[in-house]
Amino acid sequence: MSPADGPVVGILVGSESDRERMQPAVDELEARGIPHELEVRSAHRDPDAVAEYARSARERGIRVLIAGAGLAAALPGAIAAQTDLPVIGVPLRSRMSVLDGLDALLSIVQMPPGVPVATVGVDNAKNAASLAARILGS
C-alpha cells in the first residue's frame, strides 16, 4: 500500500481500555470517508514504540495525529515531541482519577513552548475527529 492509499489520520491510545472512548473519533472519520488507523501504544510502558510511531507517521502518509489519554495524559505530548505533524489530544476520564478527567485535561493543555497539542473537551473524541477533518481541509 502506498502512502496515498493508507490512513491520513493516526489515532493512538495508551491502553486497550481507552479504545471504546475513542470510538466516536473512528466513527466520525468513517462517516466523513477519511482513512485512519487506531493503535495502542503507551507513553509510559513502551515510550520507544510511541516515538517510532510519531517519527515515522509522515513518511507513512499520516497528516494529523489524535491521542486519547487519561490520568497523567503523557501520550499527546510524547507524540508532539517526536513530530511536526498536528497533534490533537483527547483527555479521557479514568476510574482511577479523583478529578474526573480534569487531571488529563490540564496535562494535555499545559504543553511546554514548542510542543503544541490542540486539545478538545474531556471524552470528546468526536470533536477531535472533526478538528482533524478541518485541518486536512485547510
Protein backbone atom coordinates (compact mmCIF):
# COMPACT_ATOMS: atom_id res chain seq x y z
CA MET A 1 0.00 0.00 0.00
CA SER A 2 1.38 3.40 -0.95
CA PRO A 3 1.12 6.34 1.45
CA ALA A 4 -1.61 7.77 -0.83
CA ASP A 5 -3.74 4.66 -0.22
CA GLY A 6 -3.17 4.49 3.52
CA PRO A 7 -4.55 6.30 6.53
CA VAL A 8 -4.14 10.08 6.82
CA VAL A 9 -5.21 10.27 10.48
CA GLY A 10 -3.49 8.24 13.15
CA ILE A 11 -5.34 7.65 16.41
CA LEU A 12 -3.37 6.44 19.40
CA VAL A 13 -4.46 5.35 22.85
CA GLY A 14 -2.28 4.36 25.76
CA SER A 15 -4.18 1.21 26.66
CA GLU A 16 -6.77 -1.13 25.22
CA SER A 17 -9.28 0.11 27.80
CA ASP A 18 -9.25 3.56 26.12
CA ARG A 19 -10.33 2.20 22.73
CA GLU A 20 -14.06 2.37 23.48
CA ARG A 21 -13.97 6.06 24.44
CA MET A 22 -12.08 6.89 21.25
CA GLN A 23 -14.62 5.06 19.06
CA PRO A 24 -16.54 8.30 18.33
CA ALA A 25 -13.43 9.61 16.55
CA VAL A 26 -13.27 6.45 14.46
CA ASP A 27 -16.99 6.72 13.68
CA GLU A 28 -16.69 10.40 12.69
CA LEU A 29 -13.72 9.78 10.41
CA GLU A 30 -15.50 6.85 8.79
CA ALA A 31 -18.64 8.95 8.26
CA ARG A 32 -16.51 11.56 6.50
CA GLY A 33 -14.63 8.98 4.43
CA ILE A 34 -11.27 9.88 5.96
CA PRO A 35 -8.80 6.97 6.04
CA HIS A 36 -7.43 6.34 9.53
CA GLU A 37 -5.80 3.82 11.83
CA LEU A 38 -6.04 3.20 15.57
CA GLU A 39 -3.05 1.90 17.52
CA VAL A 40 -2.46 1.11 21.20
CA ARG A 41 0.91 2.49 22.33
CA SER A 42 1.73 3.57 25.86
CA ALA A 43 3.92 6.59 26.57
CA HIS A 44 4.81 5.02 29.93
CA ARG A 45 5.04 1.29 29.21
CA ASP A 46 6.63 1.50 25.75
CA PRO A 47 7.92 5.02 25.02
CA ASP A 48 10.19 3.79 22.22
CA ALA A 49 7.18 2.43 20.31
CA VAL A 50 5.40 5.78 20.69
CA ALA A 51 8.47 7.66 19.46
CA GLU A 52 8.89 5.33 16.48
CA TYR A 53 5.23 5.70 15.53
CA ALA A 54 5.38 9.50 15.73
CA ARG A 55 8.68 9.79 13.85
CA SER A 56 7.52 7.54 11.00
CA ALA A 57 3.98 8.93 10.70
CA ARG A 58 4.68 11.50 7.97
CA GLU A 59 6.54 9.06 5.71
CA ARG A 60 3.61 6.63 6.07
CA GLY A 61 1.18 9.32 4.83
CA ILE A 62 -0.28 10.38 8.19
CA ARG A 63 -1.14 14.09 8.24
CA VAL A 64 -2.85 14.51 11.63
CA LEU A 65 -2.47 12.58 14.89
CA ILE A 66 -5.12 12.16 17.58
CA ALA A 67 -4.12 10.84 21.00
CA GLY A 68 -6.52 9.86 23.77
CA ALA A 69 -5.09 9.73 27.28
CA GLY A 70 -6.22 9.78 30.89
CA LEU A 71 -4.60 10.44 34.27
CA ALA A 72 -1.10 11.85 33.61
CA ALA A 73 -2.06 12.05 29.91
CA ALA A 74 1.52 11.95 28.63
CA LEU A 75 0.73 10.38 25.26
CA PRO A 76 -0.23 13.52 23.25
CA GLY A 77 2.85 15.42 24.43
CA ALA A 78 5.13 12.45 23.89
CA ILE A 79 3.87 12.25 20.31
CA ALA A 80 4.15 16.01 19.71
CA ALA A 81 7.76 15.93 20.93
CA GLN A 82 8.64 13.49 18.13
CA THR A 83 6.88 15.00 15.09
CA ASP A 84 5.95 18.29 13.48
CA LEU A 85 2.54 16.97 12.44
CA PRO A 86 -0.55 18.44 14.12
CA VAL A 87 -1.44 16.54 17.32
CA ILE A 88 -4.89 16.65 18.90
CA GLY A 89 -5.18 15.47 22.48
CA VAL A 90 -8.35 13.95 23.90
CA PRO A 91 -8.37 13.97 27.71
CA LEU A 92 -10.11 10.84 28.97
CA ARG A 93 -11.87 10.14 32.23
CA SER A 94 -10.40 7.32 34.27
CA ARG A 95 -11.89 5.27 37.08
CA MET A 96 -8.60 5.82 38.91
CA SER A 97 -8.81 9.62 38.69
CA VAL A 98 -10.08 11.63 41.61
CA LEU A 99 -10.54 14.61 39.28
CA ASP A 100 -12.89 13.01 36.71
CA GLY A 101 -10.71 13.82 33.70
CA LEU A 102 -9.63 17.30 34.78
CA ASP A 103 -6.15 15.93 35.53
CA ALA A 104 -5.86 14.66 31.95
CA LEU A 105 -7.23 17.91 30.52
CA LEU A 106 -4.69 20.01 32.41
CA SER A 107 -1.82 17.67 31.50
CA ILE A 108 -2.61 17.89 27.79
CA VAL A 109 -3.32 21.63 27.71
CA GLN A 110 -0.13 22.58 29.58
CA MET A 111 2.48 21.59 27.00
CA PRO A 112 5.78 23.48 27.08
CA PRO A 113 6.58 26.08 24.41
CA GLY A 114 7.50 24.44 21.12
CA VAL A 115 5.47 21.28 21.78
CA PRO A 116 1.96 22.28 20.69
CA VAL A 117 -1.01 19.99 21.25
CA ALA A 118 -4.53 21.04 20.33
CA THR A 119 -6.95 19.87 22.99
CA VAL A 120 -10.66 19.07 22.92
CA GLY A 121 -13.02 18.50 25.82
CA VAL A 122 -12.89 15.56 28.19
CA ASP A 123 -14.07 12.36 26.45
CA ASN A 124 -14.84 14.32 23.27
CA ALA A 125 -13.17 12.15 20.65
CA LYS A 126 -15.77 13.15 18.05
CA ASN A 127 -14.59 16.77 18.23
CA ALA A 128 -11.00 15.60 17.76
CA ALA A 129 -12.01 13.88 14.53
CA SER A 130 -13.95 16.97 13.42
CA LEU A 131 -10.89 19.14 14.07
CA ALA A 132 -8.68 16.68 12.19
CA ALA A 133 -11.06 16.90 9.22
CA ARG A 134 -10.84 20.71 9.29
CA ILE A 135 -7.04 20.57 9.46
CA LEU A 136 -6.98 18.20 6.48
CA GLY A 137 -9.28 20.55 4.53
CA SER A 138 -7.17 23.65 5.13
